[in-house]
Amino acid sequence: MSLDTVRDVVAGTFLILGAGFAFVAAVGVVRFPDLLRRMHAATKPQTFGLLLILAGLALRIDSLSDLTLVAVVALFQLLTAPVSAHMVGRAAFRAGQVDRDELTVDEAD
């Protein structure tokens, strides 16, 4: 088996897994009942899915400038998704859109 074949298989696996994570994130956004759970679905698996897709893409790119662009996209996603989810959650909490009873779990009872 040649190195190009191995790279193609690994890249294809990353692309399929990344698309799967993005699909799971989309289903979570539609199906979850409240804002905080939807934000979790919109940020965590979606970000991981995009990183897997970018990793699969990076395995097949030969140009250093294109690889740098992929790295910038990954870094931008890692910096902006958690910050935006935090700010939306904070605004929703302050506006009273979050059920505070669901935030505290007392397992001693």
PDB file of N, CA and C in Angstrom:
ATOM      1  N   MET A   1       0.856  -1.177   0.000  1.00  0.00           N
ATOM      2  CA  MET A   1       0.000   0.000   0.000  1.00  0.00           C
ATOM      3  C   MET A   1       0.901   1.239   0.000  1.00  0.00           C
ATOM      4  N   SER A   2       0.625   2.149  -0.895  1.00  0.00           N
ATOM      5  CA  SER A   2       1.469   3.327  -1.015  1.00  0.00           C
ATOM      6  C   SER A   2       1.080   4.385   0.028  1.00  0.00           C
ATOM      7  N   LEU A   3       1.970   5.333   0.205  1.00  0.00           N
ATOM      8  CA  LEU A   3       1.737   6.408   1.169  1.00  0.00           C
ATOM      9  C   LEU A   3       0.549   7.273   0.771  1.00  0.00           C
ATOM     10  N   ASP A   4       0.361   7.494  -0.529  1.00  0.00           N
ATOM     11  CA  ASP A   4      -0.787   8.280  -0.994  1.00  0.00           C
ATOM     12  C   ASP A   4      -2.108   7.586  -0.681  1.00  0.00           C
ATOM     13  N   THR A   5      -2.128   6.276  -0.780  1.00  0.00           N
ATOM     14  CA  THR A   5      -3.341   5.533  -0.461  1.00  0.00           C
ATOM     15  C   THR A   5      -3.669   5.633   1.018  1.00  0.00           C
ATOM     16  N   VAL A   6      -2.659   5.520   1.843  1.00  0.00           N
ATOM     17  CA  VAL A   6      -2.872   5.642   3.297  1.00  0.00           C
ATOM     18  C   VAL A   6      -3.360   7.039   3.642  1.00  0.00           C
ATOM     19  N   ARG A   7      -2.752   8.057   3.039  1.00  0.00           N
ATOM     20  CA  ARG A   7      -3.189   9.433   3.276  1.00  0.00           C
ATOM     21  C   ARG A   7      -4.626   9.642   2.829  1.00  0.00           C
ATOM     22  N   ASP A   8      -4.995   9.053   1.698  1.00  0.00           N
ATOM     23  CA  ASP A   8      -6.376   9.175   1.215  1.00  0.00           C
ATOM     24  C   ASP A   8      -7.365   8.517   2.174  1.00  0.00           C
ATOM     25  N   VAL A   9      -7.021   7.356   2.677  1.00  0.00           N
ATOM     26  CA  VAL A   9      -7.915   6.642   3.593  1.00  0.00           C
ATOM     27  C   VAL A   9      -8.065   7.407   4.904  1.00  0.00           C
ATOM     28  N   VAL A  10      -6.963   7.883   5.457  1.00  0.00           N
ATOM     29  CA  VAL A  10      -7.025   8.637   6.713  1.00  0.00           C
ATOM     30  C   VAL A  10      -7.776   9.955   6.507  1.00  0.00           C
ATOM     31  N   ALA A  11      -7.494  10.648   5.418  1.00  0.00           N
ATOM     32  CA  ALA A  11      -8.184  11.909   5.132  1.00  0.00           C
ATOM     33  C   ALA A  11      -9.676  11.673   4.937  1.00  0.00           C
ATOM     34  N   GLY A  12     -10.035  10.627   4.212  1.00  0.00           N
ATOM     35  CA  GLY A  12     -11.446  10.313   4.018  1.00  0.00           C
ATOM     36  C   GLY A  12     -12.138   9.955   5.321  1.00  0.00           C
ATOM     37  N   THR A  13     -11.438   9.224   6.185  1.00  0.00           N
ATOM     38  CA  THR A  13     -11.997   8.883   7.496  1.00  0.00           C
ATOM     39  C   THR A  13     -12.236  10.139   8.325  1.00  0.00           C
ATOM     40  N   PHE A  14     -11.272  11.043   8.322  1.00  0.00           N
ATOM     41  CA  PHE A  14     -11.438  12.310   9.050  1.00  0.00           C
ATOM     42  C   PHE A  14     -12.608  13.114   8.507  1.00  0.00           C
ATOM     43  N   LEU A  15     -12.735  13.154   7.188  1.00  0.00           N
ATOM     44  CA  LEU A  15     -13.831  13.912   6.577  1.00  0.00           C
ATOM     45  C   LEU A  15     -15.189  13.322   6.943  1.00  0.00           C
ATOM     46  N   ILE A  16     -15.306  12.017   6.908  1.00  0.00           N
ATOM     47  CA  ILE A  16     -16.579  11.369   7.235  1.00  0.00           C
ATOM     48  C   ILE A  16     -16.898  11.543   8.722  1.00  0.00           C
ATOM     49  N   LEU A  17     -15.901  11.358   9.590  1.00  0.00           N
ATOM     50  CA  LEU A  17     -16.137  11.564  11.020  1.00  0.00           C
ATOM     51  C   LEU A  17     -16.512  13.014  11.329  1.00  0.00           C
ATOM     52  N   GLY A  18     -15.831  13.946  10.683  1.00  0.00           N
ATOM     53  CA  GLY A  18     -16.149  15.362  10.889  1.00  0.00           C
ATOM     54  C   GLY A  18     -17.552  15.705  10.438  1.00  0.00           C
ATOM     55  N   ALA A  19     -17.961  15.158   9.304  1.00  0.00           N
ATOM     56  CA  ALA A  19     -19.328  15.388   8.834  1.00  0.00           C
ATOM     57  C   ALA A  19     -20.334  14.753   9.785  1.00  0.00           C
ATOM     58  N   GLY A  20     -19.990  13.611  10.355  1.00  0.00           N
ATOM     59  CA  GLY A  20     -20.864  12.973  11.336  1.00  0.00           C
ATOM     60  C   GLY A  20     -21.037  13.816  12.588  1.00  0.00           C
ATOM     61  N   PHE A  21     -19.943  14.367  13.086  1.00  0.00           N
ATOM     62  CA  PHE A  21     -20.036  15.233  14.260  1.00  0.00           C
ATOM     63  C   PHE A  21     -20.851  16.491  13.952  1.00  0.00           C
ATOM     64  N   ALA A  22     -20.665  17.062  12.775  1.00  0.00           N
ATOM     65  CA  ALA A  22     -21.450  18.242  12.404  1.00  0.00           C
ATOM     66  C   ALA A  22     -22.932  17.898  12.300  1.00  0.00           C
ATOM     67  N   PHE A  23     -23.243  16.700  11.796  1.00  0.00           N
ATOM     68  CA  PHE A  23     -24.634  16.273  11.715  1.00  0.00           C
ATOM     69  C   PHE A  23     -25.236  16.078  13.108  1.00  0.00           C
ATOM     70  N   VAL A  24     -24.472  15.463  13.998  1.00  0.00           N
ATOM     71  CA  VAL A  24     -24.946  15.276  15.378  1.00  0.00           C
ATOM     72  C   VAL A  24     -25.186  16.634  16.043  1.00  0.00           C
ATOM     73  N   ALA A  25     -24.315  17.602  15.777  1.00  0.00           N
ATOM     74  CA  ALA A  25     -24.513  18.942  16.330  1.00  0.00           C
ATOM     75  C   ALA A  25     -25.796  19.565  15.799  1.00  0.00           C
ATOM     76  N   ALA A  26     -26.064  19.403  14.522  1.00  0.00           N
ATOM     77  CA  ALA A  26     -27.282  19.968  13.945  1.00  0.00           C
ATOM     78  C   ALA A  26     -28.527  19.317  14.531  1.00  0.00           C
ATOM     79  N   VAL A  27     -28.485  18.008  14.721  1.00  0.00           N
ATOM     80  CA  VAL A  27     -29.624  17.310  15.325  1.00  0.00           C
ATOM     81  C   VAL A  27     -29.814  17.778  16.764  1.00  0.00           C
ATOM     82  N   GLY A  28     -28.724  17.970  17.490  1.00  0.00           N
ATOM     83  CA  GLY A  28     -28.815  18.448  18.873  1.00  0.00           C
ATOM     84  C   GLY A  28     -29.414  19.838  18.967  1.00  0.00           C
ATOM     85  N   VAL A  29     -29.054  20.698  18.048  1.00  0.00           N
ATOM     86  CA  VAL A  29     -29.612  22.050  18.062  1.00  0.00           C
ATOM     87  C   VAL A  29     -31.121  22.013  17.836  1.00  0.00           C
ATOM     88  N   VAL A  30     -31.562  21.126  16.985  1.00  0.00           N
ATOM     89  CA  VAL A  30     -32.991  21.027  16.703  1.00  0.00           C
ATOM     90  C   VAL A  30     -33.748  20.320  17.819  1.00  0.00           C
ATOM     91  N   ARG A  31     -33.158  19.294  18.423  1.00  0.00           N
ATOM     92  CA  ARG A  31     -33.894  18.429  19.331  1.00  0.00           C
ATOM     93  C   ARG A  31     -33.797  18.811  20.811  1.00  0.00           C
ATOM     94  N   PHE A  32     -32.727  19.469  21.232  1.00  0.00           N
ATOM     95  CA  PHE A  32     -32.572  19.759  22.662  1.00  0.00           C
ATOM     96  C   PHE A  32     -33.596  20.783  23.118  1.00  0.00           C
ATOM     97  N   PRO A  33     -34.058  20.670  24.374  1.00  0.00           N
ATOM     98  CA  PRO A  33     -35.200  21.471  24.817  1.00  0.00           C
ATOM     99  C   PRO A  33     -34.889  22.911  25.224  1.00  0.00           C
ATOM    100  N   ASP A  34     -33.692  23.177  25.722  1.00  0.00           N
ATOM    101  CA  ASP A  34     -33.456  24.535  26.227  1.00  0.00           C
ATOM    102  C   ASP A  34     -32.187  25.135  25.624  1.00  0.00           C
ATOM    103  N   LEU A  35     -32.009  26.408  25.916  1.00  0.00           N
ATOM    104  CA  LEU A  35     -30.943  27.197  25.301  1.00  0.00           C
ATOM    105  C   LEU A  35     -29.555  26.670  25.625  1.00  0.00           C
ATOM    106  N   LEU A  36     -29.286  26.337  26.874  1.00  0.00           N
ATOM    107  CA  LEU A  36     -27.946  25.921  27.245  1.00  0.00           C
ATOM    108  C   LEU A  36     -27.556  24.600  26.594  1.00  0.00           C
ATOM    109  N   ARG A  37     -28.469  23.681  26.518  1.00  0.00           N
ATOM    110  CA  ARG A  37     -28.168  22.409  25.851  1.00  0.00           C
ATOM    111  C   ARG A  37     -27.983  22.613  24.350  1.00  0.00           C
ATOM    112  N   ARG A  38     -28.755  23.489  23.773  1.00  0.00           N
ATOM    113  CA  ARG A  38     -28.594  23.770  22.345  1.00  0.00           C
ATOM    114  C   ARG A  38     -27.253  24.443  22.066  1.00  0.00           C
ATOM    115  N   MET A  39     -26.842  25.326  22.947  1.00  0.00           N
ATOM    116  CA  MET A  39     -25.536  25.968  22.765  1.00  0.00           C
ATOM    117  C   MET A  39     -24.413  24.947  22.864  1.00  0.00           C
ATOM    118  N   HIS A  40     -24.538  24.006  23.788  1.00  0.00           N
ATOM    119  CA  HIS A  40     -23.541  22.948  23.915  1.00  0.00           C
ATOM    120  C   HIS A  40     -23.451  22.154  22.609  1.00  0.00           C
ATOM    121  N   ALA A  41     -24.606  21.810  22.065  1.00  0.00           N
ATOM    122  CA  ALA A  41     -24.624  21.056  20.807  1.00  0.00           C
ATOM    123  C   ALA A  41     -24.083  21.887  19.649  1.00  0.00           C
ATOM    124  N   ALA A  42     -24.285  23.174  19.704  1.00  0.00           N
ATOM    125  CA  ALA A  42     -23.841  24.028  18.599  1.00  0.00           C
ATOM    126  C   ALA A  42     -22.345  24.303  18.647  1.00  0.00           C
ATOM    127  N   THR A  43     -21.722  24.155  19.799  1.00  0.00           N
ATOM    128  CA  THR A  43     -20.305  24.511  19.881  1.00  0.00           C
ATOM    129  C   THR A  43     -19.383  23.300  19.962  1.00  0.00           C
ATOM    130  N   LYS A  44     -19.603  22.394  20.877  1.00  0.00           N
ATOM    131  CA  LYS A  44     -18.625  21.326  21.104  1.00  0.00           C
ATOM    132  C   LYS A  44     -18.517  20.332  19.945  1.00  0.00           C
ATOM    133  N   PRO A  45     -19.581  19.596  19.583  1.00  0.00           N
ATOM    134  CA  PRO A  45     -19.385  18.642  18.486  1.00  0.00           C
ATOM    135  C   PRO A  45     -19.183  19.325  17.131  1.00  0.00           C
ATOM    136  N   GLN A  46     -19.749  20.495  16.960  1.00  0.00           N
ATOM    137  CA  GLN A  46     -19.565  21.195  15.686  1.00  0.00           C
ATOM    138  C   GLN A  46     -18.113  21.626  15.524  1.00  0.00           C
ATOM    139  N   THR A  47     -17.507  22.129  16.598  1.00  0.00           N
ATOM    140  CA  THR A  47     -16.112  22.546  16.535  1.00  0.00           C
ATOM    141  C   THR A  47     -15.206  21.347  16.290  1.00  0.00           C
ATOM    142  N   PHE A  48     -15.451  20.257  17.006  1.00  0.00           N
ATOM    143  CA  PHE A  48     -14.639  19.055  16.806  1.00  0.00           C
ATOM    144  C   PHE A  48     -14.824  18.506  15.392  1.00  0.00           C
ATOM    145  N   GLY A  49     -16.050  18.536  14.884  1.00  0.00           N
ATOM    146  CA  GLY A  49     -16.301  18.082  13.522  1.00  0.00           C
ATOM    147  C   GLY A  49     -15.563  18.924  12.495  1.00  0.00           C
ATOM    148  N   LEU A  50     -15.585  20.234  12.688  1.00  0.00           N
ATOM    149  CA  LEU A  50     -14.865  21.102  11.758  1.00  0.00           C
ATOM    150  C   LEU A  50     -13.362  20.854  11.835  1.00  0.00           C
ATOM    151  N   LEU A  51     -12.839  20.633  13.033  1.00  0.00           N
ATOM    152  CA  LEU A  51     -11.409  20.354  13.163  1.00  0.00           C
ATOM    153  C   LEU A  51     -11.037  19.034  12.490  1.00  0.00           C
ATOM    154  N   LEU A  52     -11.904  18.031  12.589  1.00  0.00           N
ATOM    155  CA  LEU A  52     -11.648  16.777  11.877  1.00  0.00           C
ATOM    156  C   LEU A  52     -11.673  16.984  10.367  1.00  0.00           C
ATOM    157  N   ILE A  53     -12.613  17.766   9.887  1.00  0.00           N
ATOM    158  CA  ILE A  53     -12.680  18.049   8.451  1.00  0.00           C
ATOM    159  C   ILE A  53     -11.431  18.810   8.003  1.00  0.00           C
ATOM    160  N   LEU A  54     -11.003  19.773   8.793  1.00  0.00           N
ATOM    161  CA  LEU A  54      -9.787  20.518   8.443  1.00  0.00           C
ATOM    162  C   LEU A  54      -8.548  19.631   8.497  1.00  0.00           C
ATOM    163  N   ALA A  55      -8.510  18.687   9.440  1.00  0.00           N
ATOM    164  CA  ALA A  55      -7.376  17.759   9.505  1.00  0.00           C
ATOM    165  C   ALA A  55      -7.348  16.860   8.268  1.00  0.00           C
ATOM    166  N   GLY A  56      -8.521  16.389   7.858  1.00  0.00           N
ATOM    167  CA  GLY A  56      -8.577  15.589   6.637  1.00  0.00           C
ATOM    168  C   GLY A  56      -8.163  16.388   5.412  1.00  0.00           C
ATOM    169  N   LEU A  57      -8.554  17.629   5.390  1.00  0.00           N
ATOM    170  CA  LEU A  57      -8.165  18.508   4.285  1.00  0.00           C
ATOM    171  C   LEU A  57      -6.666  18.778   4.313  1.00  0.00           C
ATOM    172  N   ALA A  58      -6.122  18.984   5.505  1.00  0.00           N
ATOM    173  CA  ALA A  58      -4.693  19.293   5.636  1.00  0.00           C
ATOM    174  C   ALA A  58      -3.823  18.126   5.179  1.00  0.00           C
ATOM    175  N   LEU A  59      -4.324  16.909   5.326  1.00  0.00           N
ATOM    176  CA  LEU A  59      -3.546  15.757   4.876  1.00  0.00           C
ATOM    177  C   LEU A  59      -3.392  15.714   3.355  1.00  0.00           C
ATOM    178  N   ARG A  60      -4.308  16.313   2.640  1.00  0.00           N
ATOM    179  CA  ARG A  60      -4.280  16.258   1.179  1.00  0.00           C
ATOM    180  C   ARG A  60      -3.733  17.529   0.529  1.00  0.00           C
ATOM    181  N   ILE A  61      -3.449  18.559   1.309  1.00  0.00           N
ATOM    182  CA  ILE A  61      -2.963  19.828   0.750  1.00  0.00           C
ATOM    183  C   ILE A  61      -1.451  19.762   0.596  1.00  0.00           C
ATOM    184  N   ASP A  62      -0.972  20.223  -0.544  1.00  0.00           N
ATOM    185  CA  ASP A  62       0.464  20.251  -0.795  1.00  0.00           C
ATOM    186  C   ASP A  62       1.070  21.646  -0.650  1.00  0.00           C
ATOM    187  N   SER A  63       0.259  22.672  -0.768  1.00  0.00           N
ATOM    188  CA  SER A  63       0.741  24.045  -0.727  1.00  0.00           C
ATOM    189  C   SER A  63       0.853  24.540   0.718  1.00  0.00           C
ATOM    190  N   LEU A  64       1.970  25.159   1.031  1.00  0.00           N
ATOM    191  CA  LEU A  64       2.182  25.684   2.389  1.00  0.00           C
ATOM    192  C   LEU A  64       1.243  26.850   2.678  1.00  0.00           C
ATOM    193  N   SER A  65       0.945  27.670   1.689  1.00  0.00           N
ATOM    194  CA  SER A  65       0.039  28.800   1.920  1.00  0.00           C
ATOM    195  C   SER A  65      -1.385  28.312   2.197  1.00  0.00           C
ATOM    196  N   ASP A  66      -1.813  27.262   1.510  1.00  0.00           N
ATOM    197  CA  ASP A  66      -3.141  26.702   1.778  1.00  0.00           C
ATOM    198  C   ASP A  66      -3.191  26.029   3.144  1.00  0.00           C
ATOM    199  N   LEU A  67      -2.121  25.372   3.519  1.00  0.00           N
ATOM    200  CA  LEU A  67      -2.050  24.738   4.837  1.00  0.00           C
ATOM    201  C   LEU A  67      -2.086  25.788   5.942  1.00  0.00           C
ATOM    202  N   THR A  68      -1.446  26.910   5.713  1.00  0.00           N
ATOM    203  CA  THR A  68      -1.489  28.008   6.682  1.00  0.00           C
ATOM    204  C   THR A  68      -2.905  28.547   6.821  1.00  0.00           C
ATOM    205  N   LEU A  69      -3.609  28.651   5.725  1.00  0.00           N
ATOM    206  CA  LEU A  69      -5.000  29.110   5.763  1.00  0.00           C
ATOM    207  C   LEU A  69      -5.881  28.136   6.556  1.00  0.00           C
ATOM    208  N   VAL A  70      -5.665  26.849   6.393  1.00  0.00           N
ATOM    209  CA  VAL A  70      -6.419  25.849   7.152  1.00  0.00           C
ATOM    210  C   VAL A  70      -6.120  25.990   8.643  1.00  0.00           C
ATOM    211  N   ALA A  71      -4.866  26.228   8.991  1.00  0.00           N
ATOM    212  CA  ALA A  71      -4.499  26.421  10.392  1.00  0.00           C
ATOM    213  C   ALA A  71      -5.140  27.681  10.968  1.00  0.00           C
ATOM    214  N   VAL A  72      -5.210  28.735  10.187  1.00  0.00           N
ATOM    215  CA  VAL A  72      -5.845  29.975  10.642  1.00  0.00           C
ATOM    216  C   VAL A  72      -7.341  29.758  10.867  1.00  0.00           C
ATOM    217  N   VAL A  73      -7.985  29.036   9.976  1.00  0.00           N
ATOM    218  CA  VAL A  73      -9.413  28.737  10.137  1.00  0.00           C
ATOM    219  C   VAL A  73      -9.641  27.930  11.411  1.00  0.00           C
ATOM    220  N   ALA A  74      -8.801  26.924  11.658  1.00  0.00           N
ATOM    221  CA  ALA A  74      -8.931  26.113  12.872  1.00  0.00           C
ATOM    222  C   ALA A  74      -8.726  26.959  14.125  1.00  0.00           C
ATOM    223  N   LEU A  75      -7.726  27.806  14.117  1.00  0.00           N
ATOM    224  CA  LEU A  75      -7.471  28.668  15.265  1.00  0.00           C
ATOM    225  C   LEU A  75      -8.620  29.644  15.494  1.00  0.00           C
ATOM    226  N   PHE A  76      -9.129  30.221  14.425  1.00  0.00           N
ATOM    227  CA  PHE A  76     -10.248  31.154  14.539  1.00  0.00           C
ATOM    228  C   PHE A  76     -11.481  30.460  15.107  1.00  0.00           C
ATOM    229  N   GLN A  77     -11.739  29.244  14.667  1.00  0.00           N
ATOM    230  CA  GLN A  77     -12.884  28.491  15.179  1.00  0.00           C
ATOM    231  C   GLN A  77     -12.699  28.180  16.663  1.00  0.00           C
ATOM    232  N   LEU A  78     -11.500  27.785  17.054  1.00  0.00           N
ATOM    233  CA  LEU A  78     -11.245  27.461  18.458  1.00  0.00           C
ATOM    234  C   LEU A  78     -11.349  28.689  19.361  1.00  0.00           C
ATOM    235  N   LEU A  79     -11.076  29.859  18.822  1.00  0.00           N
ATOM    236  CA  LEU A  79     -11.152  31.077  19.626  1.00  0.00           C
ATOM    237  C   LEU A  79     -12.557  31.668  19.681  1.00  0.00           C
ATOM    238  N   THR A  80     -13.306  31.575  18.599  1.00  0.00           N
ATOM    239  CA  THR A  80     -14.581  32.287  18.554  1.00  0.00           C
ATOM    240  C   THR A  80     -15.771  31.470  19.046  1.00  0.00           C
ATOM    241  N   ALA A  81     -15.819  30.179  18.788  1.00  0.00           N
ATOM    242  CA  ALA A  81     -16.994  29.384  19.173  1.00  0.00           C
ATOM    243  C   ALA A  81     -17.218  29.353  20.691  1.00  0.00           C
ATOM    244  N   PRO A  82     -16.206  29.082  21.507  1.00  0.00           N
ATOM    245  CA  PRO A  82     -16.459  29.087  22.953  1.00  0.00           C
ATOM    246  C   PRO A  82     -16.806  30.470  23.503  1.00  0.00           C
ATOM    247  N   VAL A  83     -16.177  31.496  22.974  1.00  0.00           N
ATOM    248  CA  VAL A  83     -16.443  32.849  23.457  1.00  0.00           C
ATOM    249  C   VAL A  83     -17.865  33.273  23.099  1.00  0.00           C
ATOM    250  N   SER A  84     -18.291  32.996  21.882  1.00  0.00           N
ATOM    251  CA  SER A  84     -19.649  33.386  21.492  1.00  0.00           C
ATOM    252  C   SER A  84     -20.693  32.587  22.269  1.00  0.00           C
ATOM    253  N   ALA A  85     -20.448  31.299  22.501  1.00  0.00           N
ATOM    254  CA  ALA A  85     -21.397  30.496  23.289  1.00  0.00           C
ATOM    255  C   ALA A  85     -21.461  31.000  24.727  1.00  0.00           C
ATOM    256  N   HIS A  86     -20.328  31.384  25.268  1.00  0.00           N
ATOM    257  CA  HIS A  86     -20.316  31.920  26.625  1.00  0.00           C
ATOM    258  C   HIS A  86     -21.109  33.217  26.708  1.00  0.00           C
ATOM    259  N   MET A  87     -20.931  34.081  25.738  1.00  0.00           N
ATOM    260  CA  MET A  87     -21.627  35.365  25.766  1.00  0.00           C
ATOM    261  C   MET A  87     -23.132  35.196  25.570  1.00  0.00           C
ATOM    262  N   VAL A  88     -23.547  34.290  24.706  1.00  0.00           N
ATOM    263  CA  VAL A  88     -24.973  34.037  24.517  1.00  0.00           C
ATOM    264  C   VAL A  88     -25.569  33.431  25.782  1.00  0.00           C
ATOM    265  N   GLY A  89     -24.872  32.485  26.391  1.00  0.00           N
ATOM    266  CA  GLY A  89     -25.350  31.894  27.633  1.00  0.00           C
ATOM    267  C   GLY A  89     -25.432  32.903  28.759  1.00  0.00           C
ATOM    268  N   ARG A  90     -24.457  33.754  28.833  1.00  0.00           N
ATOM    269  CA  ARG A  90     -24.455  34.793  29.873  1.00  0.00           C
ATOM    270  C   ARG A  90     -25.618  35.770  29.678  1.00  0.00           C
ATOM    271  N   ALA A  91     -25.839  36.173  28.440  1.00  0.00           N
ATOM    272  CA  ALA A  91     -26.953  37.088  28.162  1.00  0.00           C
ATOM    273  C   ALA A  91     -28.292  36.426  28.465  1.00  0.00           C
ATOM    274  N   ALA A  92     -28.434  35.163  28.119  1.00  0.00           N
ATOM    275  CA  ALA A  92     -29.680  34.448  28.396  1.00  0.00           C
ATOM    276  C   ALA A  92     -29.889  34.282  29.898  1.00  0.00           C
ATOM    277  N   PHE A  93     -28.824  34.002  30.622  1.00  0.00           N
ATOM    278  CA  PHE A  93     -28.924  33.856  32.074  1.00  0.00           C
ATOM    279  C   PHE A  93     -29.346  35.168  32.725  1.00  0.00           C
ATOM    280  N   ARG A  94     -28.743  36.244  32.291  1.00  0.00           N
ATOM    281  CA  ARG A  94     -29.080  37.558  32.857  1.00  0.00           C
ATOM    282  C   ARG A  94     -30.477  38.023  32.460  1.00  0.00           C
ATOM    283  N   ALA A  95     -30.960  37.584  31.314  1.00  0.00           N
ATOM    284  CA  ALA A  95     -32.296  37.971  30.869  1.00  0.00           C
ATOM    285  C   ALA A  95     -33.382  37.080  31.462  1.00  0.00           C
ATOM    286  N   GLY A  96     -32.989  36.092  32.244  1.00  0.00           N
ATOM    287  CA  GLY A  96     -33.960  35.211  32.882  1.00  0.00           C
ATOM    288  C   GLY A  96     -34.506  34.126  31.975  1.00  0.00           C
ATOM    289  N   GLN A  97     -33.792  33.795  30.915  1.00  0.00           N
ATOM    290  CA  GLN A  97     -34.249  32.774  29.976  1.00  0.00           C
ATOM    291  C   GLN A  97     -33.785  31.366  30.357  1.00  0.00           C
ATOM    292  N   VAL A  98     -33.014  31.257  31.448  1.00  0.00           N
ATOM    293  CA  VAL A  98     -32.464  29.977  31.872  1.00  0.00           C
ATOM    294  C   VAL A  98     -33.125  29.561  33.178  1.00  0.00           C
ATOM    295  N   ASP A  99     -33.558  28.301  33.259  1.00  0.00           N
ATOM    296  CA  ASP A  99     -34.149  27.761  34.488  1.00  0.00           C
ATOM    297  C   ASP A  99     -33.032  27.499  35.482  1.00  0.00           C
ATOM    298  N   ARG A 100     -32.957  28.296  36.513  1.00  0.00           N
ATOM    299  CA  ARG A 100     -31.871  28.192  37.487  1.00  0.00           C
ATOM    300  C   ARG A 100     -31.909  26.900  38.287  1.00  0.00           C
ATOM    301  N   ASP A 101     -33.079  26.277  38.423  1.00  0.00           N
ATOM    302  CA  ASP A 101     -33.179  25.028  39.166  1.00  0.00           C
ATOM    303  C   ASP A 101     -32.447  23.888  38.447  1.00  0.00           C
ATOM    304  N   GLU A 102     -32.352  23.963  37.140  1.00  0.00           N
ATOM    305  CA  GLU A 102     -31.670  22.928  36.379  1.00  0.00           C
ATOM    306  C   GLU A 102     -30.151  23.088  36.408  1.00  0.00           C
ATOM    307  N   LEU A 103     -29.656  24.216  36.874  1.00  0.00           N
ATOM    308  CA  LEU A 103     -28.213  24.458  36.909  1.00  0.00           C
ATOM    309  C   LEU A 103     -27.565  23.850  38.138  1.00  0.00           C
ATOM    310  N   THR A 104     -28.321  23.641  39.200  1.00  0.00           N
ATOM    311  CA  THR A 104     -27.767  23.119  40.439  1.00  0.00           C
ATOM    312  C   THR A 104     -28.197  21.671  40.609  1.00  0.00           C
ATOM    313  N   VAL A 105     -27.221  20.803  40.839  1.00  0.00           N
ATOM    314  CA  VAL A 105     -27.515  19.401  41.075  1.00  0.00           C
ATOM    315  C   VAL A 105     -27.012  19.058  42.466  1.00  0.00           C
ATOM    316  N   ASP A 106     -27.914  18.600  43.313  1.00  0.00           N
ATOM    317  CA  ASP A 106     -27.557  18.186  44.665  1.00  0.00           C
ATOM    318  C   ASP A 106     -27.715  16.682  44.745  1.00  0.00           C
ATOM    319  N   GLU A 107     -26.609  15.965  44.638  1.00  0.00           N
ATOM    320  CA  GLU A 107     -26.672  14.510  44.614  1.00  0.00           C
ATOM    321  C   GLU A 107     -26.734  13.920  46.011  1.00  0.00           C
ATOM    322  N   ALA A 108     -26.672  14.742  47.053  1.00  0.00           N
ATOM    323  CA  ALA A 108     -26.770  14.256  48.422  1.00  0.00           C
ATOM    324  C   ALA A 108     -28.202  13.941  48.800  1.00  0.00           C
ATOM    325  N   ASP A 109     -29.158  14.500  48.095  1.00  0.00           N
ATOM    326  CA  ASP A 109     -30.573  14.255  48.423  1.00  0.00           C
ATOM    327  C   ASP A 109     -31.037  12.920  47.950  1.00  0.00           C
TER     328      ASP A 109
END
